[in-house]
Protein backbone atom coordinates (compact mmCIF):
# COMPACT_ATOMS: atom_id res chain seq x y z
CA MET A 1 19.01 20.44 -2.26
CA ASN A 2 18.57 18.26 -5.34
CA HIS A 3 19.97 14.95 -4.09
CA PRO A 4 17.48 12.22 -5.06
CA GLU A 5 20.02 9.49 -4.36
CA TYR A 6 19.42 10.01 -0.61
CA LEU A 7 15.80 9.08 -1.13
CA ALA A 8 16.83 5.66 -2.50
CA PHE A 9 17.92 4.68 1.04
CA ALA A 10 14.64 5.92 2.63
CA LEU A 11 12.31 4.19 0.21
CA PRO A 12 12.89 0.60 1.57
CA ALA A 13 11.75 1.88 4.98
CA PHE A 14 8.23 2.11 3.49
CA PHE A 15 8.17 -1.62 2.89
CA LEU A 16 9.71 -2.30 6.29
CA PHE A 17 6.88 -0.55 8.07
CA LEU A 18 4.34 -2.01 5.62
CA TRP A 19 5.61 -5.49 6.54
CA LEU A 20 5.50 -4.77 10.25
CA GLU A 21 1.87 -3.60 9.91
CA TYR A 22 0.92 -6.65 7.84
CA ALA A 23 2.59 -8.93 10.39
CA VAL A 24 0.51 -7.45 13.16
CA VAL A 25 -2.67 -7.82 11.10
CA LYS A 26 -1.88 -11.50 10.48
CA ARG A 27 -0.91 -12.18 14.08
CA LYS A 28 -4.10 -10.62 15.46
CA LYS A 29 -6.14 -12.26 12.61
CA LEU A 30 -7.73 -8.93 11.79
CA LYS A 31 -10.05 -8.73 8.78
CA ASN A 32 -10.72 -5.97 6.21
CA ILE A 33 -7.32 -4.36 6.78
CA TYR A 34 -5.41 -5.74 3.81
CA LYS A 35 -6.83 -6.91 0.51
CA TYR A 36 -4.42 -8.26 -2.03
CA GLU A 37 -5.72 -6.45 -5.10
CA SER A 38 -6.14 -3.18 -3.29
CA SER A 39 -2.68 -3.31 -1.77
CA ILE A 40 -1.03 -4.10 -5.10
CA SER A 41 -3.01 -1.28 -6.74
CA ASN A 42 -1.95 1.18 -4.02
CA ILE A 43 1.70 0.32 -4.23
CA SER A 44 1.64 0.48 -8.02
CA ILE A 45 0.28 4.04 -7.99
CA GLY A 46 2.87 5.00 -5.39
CA ILE A 47 5.75 3.64 -7.47
CA ALA A 48 4.55 5.62 -10.53
CA GLU A 49 4.31 8.85 -8.52
CA ARG A 50 7.73 8.51 -6.93
CA LEU A 51 9.27 7.67 -10.26
CA LEU A 52 7.68 10.59 -12.19
CA ASN A 53 8.27 12.92 -9.26
CA LEU A 54 12.03 12.56 -9.86
CA PHE A 55 11.57 14.57 -13.03
CA ILE A 56 9.49 17.37 -11.45
CA THR A 57 11.02 17.89 -7.94
CA ALA A 58 14.17 19.59 -9.27
CA SER A 59 12.10 21.83 -11.51
CA PHE A 60 9.92 22.97 -8.61
CA TYR A 61 12.94 23.54 -6.46
CA GLN A 62 14.29 25.80 -9.21
CA LEU A 63 10.91 27.58 -9.40
CA TYR A 64 10.89 28.11 -5.65
CA ASN A 65 14.39 29.44 -5.71
CA TRP A 66 13.51 31.86 -8.59
CA ILE A 67 10.51 33.15 -6.71
CA TYR A 68 12.59 33.50 -3.49
CA GLU A 69 15.41 35.37 -5.23
CA ASN A 70 13.23 37.77 -7.20
CA TYR A 71 9.88 38.22 -5.46
CA ARG A 72 10.06 37.32 -1.72
CA LEU A 73 8.12 39.76 0.41
CA LEU A 74 10.08 39.29 3.70
CA GLU A 75 13.62 38.59 4.83
CA ILE A 76 13.10 35.65 7.14
CA SER A 77 16.05 34.44 9.23
CA ASN A 78 17.12 30.80 9.91
CA ALA A 79 16.47 30.95 13.61
CA TRP A 80 15.19 27.86 15.39
CA TRP A 81 11.73 29.27 15.91
CA ILE A 82 11.44 29.90 12.16
CA TRP A 83 11.31 26.12 11.65
CA ILE A 84 8.27 25.91 13.94
CA LEU A 85 6.67 28.81 12.17
CA MET A 86 7.37 27.12 8.84
CA LEU A 87 5.80 23.88 10.00
CA LEU A 88 2.66 25.82 10.87
CA ALA A 89 2.71 27.75 7.59
CA THR A 90 3.12 24.60 5.51
CA ASP A 91 0.32 22.87 7.42
CA PHE A 92 -1.92 25.88 6.81
CA VAL A 93 -1.18 25.78 3.06
CA TRP A 94 -1.69 22.02 3.16
CA TYR A 95 -5.09 22.44 4.72
CA TRP A 96 -6.31 24.72 1.87
CA TYR A 97 -4.64 22.70 -0.89
CA HIS A 98 -6.28 19.59 0.62
CA ARG A 99 -9.66 21.21 1.08
CA LEU A 100 -9.78 22.61 -2.43
CA GLY A 101 -8.70 19.13 -3.66
CA HIS A 102 -12.11 17.93 -2.32
CA GLU A 103 -14.21 20.95 -3.28
CA VAL A 104 -13.12 21.74 -6.85
CA ASN A 105 -13.72 19.13 -9.52
CA ILE A 106 -10.55 19.60 -11.55
CA PHE A 107 -8.51 19.22 -8.36
CA TRP A 108 -10.63 16.36 -7.06
CA GLY A 109 -9.91 14.48 -10.26
CA ALA A 110 -6.27 14.30 -9.17
CA HIS A 111 -6.93 13.66 -5.46
CA ILE A 112 -9.80 11.13 -5.78
CA VAL A 113 -7.25 8.40 -6.48
CA HIS A 114 -5.97 8.66 -2.94
CA HIS A 115 -9.52 7.96 -1.64
CA GLN A 116 -10.47 5.02 -3.89
CA SER A 117 -9.06 2.36 -1.60
CA GLU A 118 -11.71 0.68 0.59
CA GLU A 119 -8.93 -0.34 3.04
CA PHE A 120 -7.01 1.93 5.32
CA ASN A 121 -3.38 0.95 5.83
CA PHE A 122 0.21 2.01 5.12
CA THR A 123 -0.15 1.17 1.42
CA VAL A 124 -2.84 3.86 1.09
CA ALA A 125 -0.28 6.49 1.99
CA ALA A 126 1.54 5.62 -1.23
CA ARG A 127 -1.57 6.10 -3.32
CA ILE A 128 -0.72 9.57 -4.65
CA THR A 129 -0.71 10.55 -8.26
CA THR A 130 1.88 12.72 -10.04
CA LEU A 131 -0.80 15.13 -11.02
CA GLN A 132 -1.77 15.57 -7.38
CA ALA A 133 1.94 16.12 -6.53
CA ILE A 134 2.23 18.83 -9.16
CA ILE A 135 -0.90 20.62 -7.91
CA ARG A 136 0.46 20.41 -4.39
CA ASN A 137 3.86 21.78 -5.39
CA VAL A 138 2.10 24.79 -7.05
CA PHE A 139 0.47 25.63 -3.75
CA TRP A 140 3.84 25.56 -2.03
CA CYS A 141 4.99 28.51 -4.22
CA VAL A 142 3.39 30.86 -1.76
CA LEU A 143 6.01 29.91 0.89
CA PRO A 144 9.13 31.19 -0.93
CA PHE A 145 7.01 34.17 -2.05
CA ILE A 146 6.49 35.06 1.63
CA GLY A 147 10.20 34.73 2.25
CA PHE A 148 10.87 31.14 3.45
CA HIS A 149 14.10 29.82 1.94
CA PRO A 150 13.55 26.93 -0.61
CA ASN A 151 15.85 24.63 1.35
CA LEU A 152 13.73 25.14 4.44
CA VAL A 153 10.52 24.57 2.39
CA MET A 154 11.74 21.30 0.92
CA THR A 155 13.01 20.02 4.28
CA ILE A 156 9.70 20.75 6.09
CA LEU A 157 7.79 19.09 3.25
CA VAL A 158 9.73 15.90 3.85
CA VAL A 159 8.59 16.12 7.50
CA HIS A 160 5.01 16.40 6.32
CA GLY A 161 5.46 13.39 4.03
CA VAL A 162 6.83 11.24 6.81
CA TYR A 163 4.17 12.33 9.28
CA SER A 164 1.31 11.75 6.87
CA PHE A 165 2.56 8.21 6.17
CA PHE A 166 2.09 7.22 9.83
CA THR A 167 -1.50 8.58 9.90
CA HIS A 168 -2.61 5.92 7.37
CA THR A 169 -2.96 2.93 9.75
CA GLN A 170 -5.50 1.27 12.04
CA MET A 171 -2.86 -0.43 14.13
CA LEU A 172 -2.15 2.46 16.48
CA GLU A 173 -4.47 2.83 19.45
CA LYS A 174 -6.47 6.07 19.77
CA GLN A 175 -4.72 8.66 21.95
CA ARG A 176 -7.42 11.22 22.65
CA TRP A 177 -5.11 13.69 24.31
CA LEU A 178 -3.09 13.91 21.11
CA GLU A 179 -6.18 14.87 19.11
CA TYR A 180 -6.31 18.24 20.90
CA ILE A 181 -3.24 19.20 18.84
CA PHE A 182 -2.31 16.63 16.16
CA ILE A 183 -3.96 14.82 13.32
CA THR A 184 -3.85 11.19 14.43
CA PRO A 185 -4.53 7.97 12.47
CA SER A 186 -8.06 7.92 13.87
CA LEU A 187 -8.75 11.48 12.75
CA HIS A 188 -7.26 10.87 9.31
CA GLY A 189 -9.25 7.69 9.02
CA VAL A 190 -12.37 9.85 9.45
CA HIS A 191 -11.12 11.91 6.46
CA HIS A 192 -10.99 8.67 4.41
CA ALA A 193 -14.46 7.59 5.33
CA SER A 194 -17.47 7.51 3.01
CA ASP A 195 -20.04 7.76 5.89
CA GLU A 196 -22.12 10.90 5.43
CA LYS A 197 -21.29 12.33 8.86
CA TYR A 198 -17.52 12.00 8.09
CA LEU A 199 -17.51 13.54 4.58
CA ASP A 200 -15.34 16.57 4.03
CA LYS A 201 -13.67 16.59 7.44
CA ASN A 202 -10.19 16.73 8.85
CA TYR A 203 -8.16 18.26 6.02
CA GLY A 204 -5.11 19.06 8.17
CA ASP A 205 -1.90 17.04 7.77
CA VAL A 206 -0.10 17.57 11.08
CA PHE A 207 -2.24 19.88 13.27
CA VAL A 208 -5.94 20.08 14.06
CA PHE A 209 -5.99 23.84 14.46
CA TRP A 210 -7.15 24.61 10.97
CA ASP A 211 -9.99 22.15 10.98
CA LYS A 212 -11.27 23.49 14.26
CA LEU A 213 -10.91 27.05 13.08
CA PHE A 214 -12.70 26.54 9.77
CA GLY A 215 -15.39 24.13 11.01
CA THR A 216 -14.19 20.87 9.41
CA PHE A 217 -13.05 18.95 12.50
CA GLN A 218 -14.67 15.62 13.34
CA LYS A 219 -13.69 12.99 15.90
CA GLU A 220 -14.16 9.32 15.19
CA GLU A 221 -17.39 8.09 16.78
CA GLU A 222 -18.43 4.98 14.84
CA LYS A 223 -15.85 2.93 12.92
CA PRO A 224 -15.58 4.49 9.43
CA LYS A 225 -16.36 2.79 6.21
CA TYR A 226 -13.42 3.62 3.97
CA GLY A 227 -13.42 4.59 0.25
CA LEU A 228 -15.62 6.59 -2.03
CA THR A 229 -19.36 7.18 -1.66
CA HIS A 230 -19.62 5.70 -5.17
CA PRO A 231 -16.84 3.08 -5.60
CA ILE A 232 -15.20 2.75 -9.00
CA ASN A 233 -15.05 -1.09 -8.90
CA SER A 234 -11.82 -1.29 -10.93
CA TYR A 235 -8.14 -2.05 -10.26
CA SER A 236 -7.02 -0.80 -13.65
CA PHE A 237 -3.95 1.43 -13.25
CA LEU A 238 -5.12 3.72 -16.04
CA TRP A 239 -8.76 3.85 -15.08
CA GLN A 240 -8.07 4.69 -11.43
CA HIS A 241 -5.93 7.64 -12.62
CA PHE A 242 -8.19 9.10 -15.22
CA HIS A 243 -11.77 7.97 -14.72
CA TYR A 244 -12.93 11.16 -13.00
CA TYR A 245 -11.64 13.29 -15.88
CA PHE A 246 -13.67 11.08 -18.25
CA GLU A 247 -16.66 11.79 -16.04
CA LEU A 248 -15.99 15.57 -16.11
CA TYR A 249 -15.69 15.47 -19.93
CA GLU A 250 -18.96 13.56 -20.25
CA ALA A 251 -20.72 15.90 -17.79
CA ALA A 252 -19.45 19.04 -19.58
CA LYS A 253 -20.41 17.58 -22.97
CA ARG A 254 -24.02 17.38 -21.80
CA LYS A 255 -24.01 21.14 -21.03
CA SER A 256 -24.73 23.68 -23.77
CA SER A 257 -23.24 26.92 -22.45
CA ILE A 258 -19.63 27.74 -21.64
CA LYS A 259 -20.68 28.89 -18.16
CA GLU A 260 -22.33 25.48 -17.42
CA LYS A 261 -19.24 23.69 -18.69
CA LEU A 262 -17.00 25.75 -16.49
CA ILE A 263 -19.15 24.99 -13.46
CA ILE A 264 -18.60 21.34 -14.16
CA TYR A 265 -14.79 21.68 -14.16
CA PHE A 266 -14.44 24.23 -11.39
CA GLY A 267 -17.50 23.52 -9.31
CA SER A 268 -18.01 21.10 -6.50
CA PRO A 269 -18.14 17.33 -6.94
CA ALA A 270 -21.65 17.65 -5.51
CA VAL A 271 -22.81 19.10 -8.91
CA MET A 272 -21.85 15.85 -10.73
CA ASP A 273 -24.58 13.64 -12.06
CA GLN A 274 -24.10 10.30 -10.37
CA GLU A 275 -25.62 8.50 -13.41
CA ILE A 276 -22.57 9.36 -15.45
CA ARG A 277 -20.07 6.97 -13.87
CA PRO A 278 -22.11 3.81 -14.60
CA VAL A 279 -22.44 4.98 -18.22
CA ILE A 280 -18.73 5.41 -18.86
CA GLU A 281 -17.90 2.28 -16.88
CA LYS A 282 -20.20 0.28 -19.13
CA LYS A 283 -18.50 1.85 -22.18
CA TRP A 284 -14.87 1.43 -21.11
CA LEU A 285 -14.53 -1.33 -18.56
CA SER A 286 -14.66 -5.03 -19.24
CA LYS A 287 -16.68 -7.36 -17.01
CA ASN A 288 -13.80 -9.79 -16.55
CA LYS A 289 -12.85 -9.99 -12.87
CA SER A 290 -10.79 -12.61 -11.07
CA GLU A 291 -12.43 -13.82 -7.91
CA SER A 292 -9.49 -15.98 -6.77
CA TYR A 293 -5.74 -16.00 -7.39
CA ASN A 294 -3.57 -19.04 -7.54
CA PHE A 295 0.02 -18.93 -6.44
CA LYS A 296 1.39 -18.68 -9.98
CA TYR A 297 -0.83 -15.79 -10.90
CA LYS A 298 0.01 -13.79 -7.74
CA GLY A 299 3.66 -14.69 -8.12
CA TYR A 300 3.84 -13.13 -11.56
CA ILE A 301 2.16 -9.97 -10.28
CA ASN A 302 4.41 -9.84 -7.23
CA GLY A 303 7.49 -10.34 -9.37
CA GLN A 304 6.60 -7.44 -11.64
CA LEU A 305 5.90 -5.22 -8.63
CA ILE A 306 9.26 -6.08 -7.02
CA LEU A 307 11.09 -5.48 -10.26
CA SER A 308 9.33 -2.09 -10.75
CA PHE A 309 10.27 -1.09 -7.19
CA ALA A 310 13.85 -2.19 -7.67
CA MET A 311 14.07 -0.20 -10.95
CA MET A 312 12.60 2.85 -9.18
CA ILE A 313 15.23 2.52 -6.47
CA ALA A 314 18.01 2.29 -9.06
CA LEU A 315 16.74 5.27 -11.08
CA THR A 316 16.37 7.29 -7.83
CA TYR A 317 19.95 6.56 -6.77
CA TYR A 318 21.54 7.12 -10.26
CA PHE A 319 19.15 9.77 -11.46
CA GLU A 320 21.85 12.45 -11.75
CA LYS A 321 24.25 9.99 -13.44
CA PHE A 322 21.98 8.42 -15.98
CA ASP A 323 21.52 10.07 -19.42
CA GLU A 324 18.07 11.19 -20.50
CA PHE A 325 17.49 8.17 -22.74
CA THR A 326 18.18 5.74 -19.90
CA LYS A 327 15.94 7.74 -17.54
CA ILE A 328 13.08 7.67 -20.04
CA SER A 329 13.59 4.01 -20.89
CA PHE A 330 13.58 2.98 -17.21
CA THR A 331 10.46 5.05 -16.63
CA ALA A 332 8.63 3.66 -19.63
CA PHE A 333 9.43 0.11 -18.71
CA VAL A 334 8.17 0.56 -15.17
CA LEU A 335 4.99 2.35 -16.20
CA ILE A 336 4.16 -0.42 -18.73
CA SER A 337 4.74 -2.98 -16.01
CA LEU A 338 2.39 -1.14 -13.68
CA ILE A 339 -0.25 -0.91 -16.36
CA ASN A 340 0.27 -4.62 -16.90
CA ILE A 341 -0.27 -5.39 -13.27
CA GLY A 342 -3.56 -3.49 -13.17
CA ALA A 343 -4.66 -5.13 -16.42
CA GLN A 344 -3.99 -8.54 -14.98
CA LEU A 345 -6.15 -7.75 -12.01
CA GLU A 346 -8.82 -6.68 -14.49
CA GLN A 347 -8.10 -9.73 -16.81
CA LYS A 348 -7.78 -7.69 -19.97
CA ARG A 349 -7.61 -9.80 -23.10
CA TRP A 350 -5.23 -7.33 -24.75
CA LEU A 351 -2.50 -8.07 -22.18
CA PRO A 352 -0.39 -10.29 -24.44
CA TYR A 353 0.15 -7.29 -26.76
CA LEU A 354 1.25 -5.24 -23.83
CA GLU A 355 3.76 -8.02 -22.96
CA HIS A 356 5.05 -7.74 -26.58
CA LEU A 357 5.41 -4.00 -26.23
CA ARG A 358 7.32 -4.32 -22.97
CA PHE A 359 9.61 -6.93 -24.55
CA LEU A 360 10.25 -4.64 -27.55
CA LEU A 361 11.02 -1.72 -25.23
CA PHE A 362 13.49 -3.84 -23.27
CA CYS A 363 15.32 -5.00 -26.41
CA SER A 364 15.19 -1.58 -28.00
CA TYR A 365 17.12 -0.01 -25.11
CA PHE A 366 20.12 -2.27 -25.58
CA ILE A 367 19.91 -2.11 -29.44
CA ILE A 368 19.90 1.73 -29.46
CA GLU A 369 22.67 1.87 -26.88
CA SER A 370 24.76 -0.48 -29.06
CA GLU A 371 23.81 1.46 -32.25
CA HIS A 372 23.30 -1.85 -34.12
CA TYR A 373 19.93 -0.92 -35.42
CA MET A 374 19.58 -3.92 -37.75
CA LEU A 375 19.18 -6.04 -34.64
CA PHE A 376 15.63 -4.74 -34.34
CA ILE A 377 14.61 -7.57 -36.62
CA LEU A 378 15.44 -10.13 -33.85
CA PRO A 379 12.80 -9.09 -31.23
CA LEU A 380 10.23 -8.47 -33.99
CA GLY A 381 10.93 -11.89 -35.48
CA PHE A 382 10.80 -13.48 -32.00
CA ILE A 383 7.30 -12.02 -31.45
CA VAL A 384 6.09 -13.24 -34.79
CA VAL A 385 7.39 -16.77 -34.10
CA MET A 386 5.77 -16.78 -30.60
CA GLU A 387 2.38 -15.76 -32.04
CA LYS A 388 2.30 -17.76 -35.30
CA ILE A 389 3.96 -20.95 -34.17
CA PHE A 390 3.41 -21.16 -30.41
CA ASN A 391 0.15 -19.11 -30.25
CA PHE A 392 1.48 -17.04 -27.30
CA SER A 393 -1.68 -14.93 -26.84
CA ASN A 394 -3.85 -18.02 -26.42
CA TRP A 395 -1.39 -19.64 -24.01
CA TYR A 396 -1.16 -16.37 -22.02
CA GLN A 397 -4.87 -16.08 -21.60
CA LYS A 398 -5.19 -19.74 -20.46
CA SER A 399 -2.13 -19.84 -18.17
CA ILE A 400 -1.82 -16.29 -16.81
CA LEU A 401 -5.34 -14.77 -17.03
CA LYS A 402 -7.31 -17.98 -16.64
CA ILE A 403 -10.17 -16.49 -18.69
CA ILE A 404 -10.55 -19.12 -21.41
């Protein structure tokens, strides 16, 4: 079941549907569907998750297989109706994984990233973190424990992934008759809303049964306002991933007893002091923001994103053929590039140093592969020359960041 190379052929379909959606938006001249910074941020987070997920998917499949072989409760056949039962079972588990992801702080810290976007389009479907994927995979352990074969589990989870992708769009007209059975884009849009009446609703992935059964179902009445109730106001790749855990740490630090600290980590997001986020944002975030993007600036970001996506495709296809050093080098280069993209959107002054680090990593791969370690002096010397003679950092800030 561990054949990641097949996924390499499926990934470009994401961009095909994204392009089709964007083309419809442009043709109809619709506003507030796509925002450049938000879309770039969404795709960046999705690339990181897909890349890192290559390392964990095989491990979880082995875990599922171990549970199935040693601890399964039932002997479940492979009859056709078992597939339907499995789809219902996975959706039930999905409902509770998803609901707890909103109701328990330590889980919400992983899932909040998916809800940060103030737009609702296909790029938001990609906005999943690796930590959220790990938590989700842990929940799936109950399925082989019951007696569902790991191959069946993994196959049905692919169905869930494909279905949930198509619920992240505003381009499909409401089909009210479908909402009696299925989660539609309209219903999932309600889930992504920050309007008070829509909060904590529609946790199901495929079916509406569980939301209706457990009292969390809500139809779309007024057009939702998407995003968080308290936006984070940042496109930083790192900040979007980890800001909520900074908030949890700060909130727990203000409590004196172990019990109070545990309530912070395992309690509801409702217990969080809303004054904490502005405090840590003031401490950690710069005020530099770009209000407009010229073609050269966007072109550099787009180029890095395309390169990162291409490297992810290559690593996906050749994952079982590459050695560990190549896998780690590819992954590190892409992650640094994604951090770079977010930092450019934030206009971070330390970006030239990140460019140096990426250049060093690129050169180091080939030097280590060739085993000519004395060649390390060449990229180091090049960086020194660029800084001391050509004042690279100053040029970068003027030409790329436009902040001087």
